[in-house]
Amino acid sequence: MSSNKTKWILACSFATAAAGFLLPFWPLSVAGILIAALSGRWIFAIAVGLLFDVAYGAPLGNSQFLYFPFTIVALCGVLARHFGVRYLFNKNLPDKV
């Protein structure tokens, strides 16, 4: 059952990112990459981030120092999931304060 869930998450995240590329609406691409990263599919998120970095090219203007912005977003999503799972989820909190 979990492999079926994985297929749906990967398909939906890639479809969202691809729709953001085809529409040219980059926040939708970022959302698709973050869906993959926050769901725990970090290799897929980084691979899609690199793919979109190659497709879009280097950014212009004030953000020209960011050579791989989508990959950086994927890495930030992976780190957010790692620290969220480690420090926030599955904690045994007391019932009363």
C-alpha atoms as a PDB file:
ATOM      1  CA  MET A   1       0.000   0.000   0.000  1.00  0.00           C
ATOM      2  CA  SER A   2       2.827   2.421   0.772  1.00  0.00           C
ATOM      3  CA  SER A   3       4.325   2.023  -2.708  1.00  0.00           C
ATOM      4  CA  ASN A   4       0.988   3.106  -4.185  1.00  0.00           C
ATOM      5  CA  LYS A   5       1.013   6.155  -1.898  1.00  0.00           C
ATOM      6  CA  THR A   6       4.585   6.907  -2.973  1.00  0.00           C
ATOM      7  CA  LYS A   7       3.605   6.767  -6.644  1.00  0.00           C
ATOM      8  CA  TRP A   8       0.783   9.242  -6.058  1.00  0.00           C
ATOM      9  CA  ILE A   9       2.967  11.651  -4.102  1.00  0.00           C
ATOM     10  CA  LEU A  10       5.704  11.570  -6.744  1.00  0.00           C
ATOM     11  CA  ALA A  11       3.225  11.959  -9.602  1.00  0.00           C
ATOM     12  CA  CYS A  12       1.381  14.856  -7.944  1.00  0.00           C
ATOM     13  CA  SER A  13       4.536  16.696  -6.946  1.00  0.00           C
ATOM     14  CA  PHE A  14       6.054  16.368 -10.417  1.00  0.00           C
ATOM     15  CA  ALA A  15       2.774  17.375 -12.088  1.00  0.00           C
ATOM     16  CA  THR A  16       2.566  20.471  -9.878  1.00  0.00           C
ATOM     17  CA  ALA A  17       6.160  21.414 -10.613  1.00  0.00           C
ATOM     18  CA  ALA A  18       5.742  20.777 -14.347  1.00  0.00           C
ATOM     19  CA  ALA A  19       2.559  22.866 -14.430  1.00  0.00           C
ATOM     20  CA  GLY A  20       4.496  25.706 -12.843  1.00  0.00           C
ATOM     21  CA  PHE A  21       7.126  25.387 -15.555  1.00  0.00           C
ATOM     22  CA  LEU A  22       4.645  25.213 -18.428  1.00  0.00           C
ATOM     23  CA  LEU A  23       2.515  28.112 -17.199  1.00  0.00           C
ATOM     24  CA  PRO A  24       5.564  30.055 -16.349  1.00  0.00           C
ATOM     25  CA  PHE A  25       4.590  30.465 -12.739  1.00  0.00           C
ATOM     26  CA  TRP A  26       7.652  29.542 -10.684  1.00  0.00           C
ATOM     27  CA  PRO A  27       5.951  29.467  -7.228  1.00  0.00           C
ATOM     28  CA  LEU A  28       3.965  26.462  -8.447  1.00  0.00           C
ATOM     29  CA  SER A  29       7.238  24.746  -9.340  1.00  0.00           C
ATOM     30  CA  VAL A  30       8.570  25.518  -5.873  1.00  0.00           C
ATOM     31  CA  ALA A  31       5.396  24.072  -4.341  1.00  0.00           C
ATOM     32  CA  GLY A  32       5.829  20.848  -6.297  1.00  0.00           C
ATOM     33  CA  ILE A  33       9.435  20.509  -5.179  1.00  0.00           C
ATOM     34  CA  LEU A  34       8.475  21.216  -1.558  1.00  0.00           C
ATOM     35  CA  ILE A  35       5.721  18.586  -1.677  1.00  0.00           C
ATOM     36  CA  ALA A  36       8.304  15.994  -2.655  1.00  0.00           C
ATOM     37  CA  ALA A  37      10.860  17.214  -0.098  1.00  0.00           C
ATOM     38  CA  LEU A  38       8.458  17.479   2.835  1.00  0.00           C
ATOM     39  CA  SER A  39       6.911  14.088   2.108  1.00  0.00           C
ATOM     40  CA  GLY A  40      10.299  12.431   2.606  1.00  0.00           C
ATOM     41  CA  ARG A  41      11.231  11.766  -1.035  1.00  0.00           C
ATOM     42  CA  TRP A  42      14.419  13.812  -0.812  1.00  0.00           C
ATOM     43  CA  ILE A  43      16.298  12.216  -3.723  1.00  0.00           C
ATOM     44  CA  PHE A  44      13.376  12.916  -6.039  1.00  0.00           C
ATOM     45  CA  ALA A  45      13.060  16.496  -4.746  1.00  0.00           C
ATOM     46  CA  ILE A  46      16.733  17.245  -5.331  1.00  0.00           C
ATOM     47  CA  ALA A  47      16.628  15.634  -8.787  1.00  0.00           C
ATOM     48  CA  VAL A  48      13.580  17.689  -9.803  1.00  0.00           C
ATOM     49  CA  GLY A  49      15.223  20.797  -8.360  1.00  0.00           C
ATOM     50  CA  LEU A  50      18.318  20.225 -10.473  1.00  0.00           C
ATOM     51  CA  LEU A  51      16.144  19.554 -13.529  1.00  0.00           C
ATOM     52  CA  PHE A  52      14.305  22.840 -13.092  1.00  0.00           C
ATOM     53  CA  ASP A  53      17.546  24.719 -12.452  1.00  0.00           C
ATOM     54  CA  VAL A  54      18.864  23.493 -15.794  1.00  0.00           C
ATOM     55  CA  ALA A  55      15.545  24.261 -17.517  1.00  0.00           C
ATOM     56  CA  TYR A  56      15.192  27.808 -16.158  1.00  0.00           C
ATOM     57  CA  GLY A  57      18.872  28.723 -16.268  1.00  0.00           C
ATOM     58  CA  ALA A  58      20.669  31.060 -13.899  1.00  0.00           C
ATOM     59  CA  PRO A  59      18.512  33.801 -12.365  1.00  0.00           C
ATOM     60  CA  LEU A  60      19.034  37.426 -13.310  1.00  0.00           C
ATOM     61  CA  GLY A  61      18.995  40.634 -11.320  1.00  0.00           C
ATOM     62  CA  ASN A  62      19.514  40.803  -7.579  1.00  0.00           C
ATOM     63  CA  SER A  63      19.380  37.027  -7.152  1.00  0.00           C
ATOM     64  CA  GLN A  64      22.120  36.238  -9.667  1.00  0.00           C
ATOM     65  CA  PHE A  65      24.355  34.799  -6.939  1.00  0.00           C
ATOM     66  CA  LEU A  66      21.890  31.913  -6.519  1.00  0.00           C
ATOM     67  CA  TYR A  67      23.064  29.516  -9.195  1.00  0.00           C
ATOM     68  CA  PHE A  68      20.744  26.678  -8.152  1.00  0.00           C
ATOM     69  CA  PRO A  69      17.645  28.216  -6.526  1.00  0.00           C
ATOM     70  CA  PHE A  70      15.316  25.217  -6.975  1.00  0.00           C
ATOM     71  CA  THR A  71      17.918  22.833  -5.588  1.00  0.00           C
ATOM     72  CA  ILE A  72      18.400  25.147  -2.606  1.00  0.00           C
ATOM     73  CA  VAL A  73      14.628  25.080  -2.046  1.00  0.00           C
ATOM     74  CA  ALA A  74      14.683  21.267  -2.193  1.00  0.00           C
ATOM     75  CA  LEU A  75      17.535  21.108   0.320  1.00  0.00           C
ATOM     76  CA  CYS A  76      15.738  23.536   2.649  1.00  0.00           C
ATOM     77  CA  GLY A  77      12.613  21.372   2.422  1.00  0.00           C
ATOM     78  CA  VAL A  78      14.621  18.255   3.226  1.00  0.00           C
ATOM     79  CA  LEU A  79      16.224  19.964   6.232  1.00  0.00           C
ATOM     80  CA  ALA A  80      12.846  21.266   7.415  1.00  0.00           C
ATOM     81  CA  ARG A  81      11.403  17.754   7.305  1.00  0.00           C
ATOM     82  CA  HIS A  82      14.440  16.309   9.070  1.00  0.00           C
ATOM     83  CA  PHE A  83      14.331  18.788  11.946  1.00  0.00           C
ATOM     84  CA  GLY A  84      10.532  18.727  12.088  1.00  0.00           C
ATOM     85  CA  VAL A  85      10.461  14.961  12.466  1.00  0.00           C
ATOM     86  CA  ARG A  86      13.353  14.988  14.885  1.00  0.00           C
ATOM     87  CA  TYR A  87      12.183  17.740  17.227  1.00  0.00           C
ATOM     88  CA  LEU A  88       8.457  18.276  16.749  1.00  0.00           C
ATOM     89  CA  PHE A  89       6.741  15.026  15.809  1.00  0.00           C
ATOM     90  CA  ASN A  90       6.408  11.801  17.778  1.00  0.00           C
ATOM     91  CA  LYS A  91       7.185  13.459  21.096  1.00  0.00           C
ATOM     92  CA  ASN A  92       5.622  12.174  24.265  1.00  0.00           C
ATOM     93  CA  LEU A  93       4.190  15.336  25.723  1.00  0.00           C
ATOM     94  CA  PRO A  94       2.645  15.359  29.194  1.00  0.00           C
ATOM     95  CA  ASP A  95      -1.148  15.353  29.344  1.00  0.00           C
ATOM     96  CA  LYS A  96      -1.221  18.203  31.847  1.00  0.00           C
ATOM     97  CA  VAL A  97       0.972  21.219  32.219  1.00  0.00           C
END
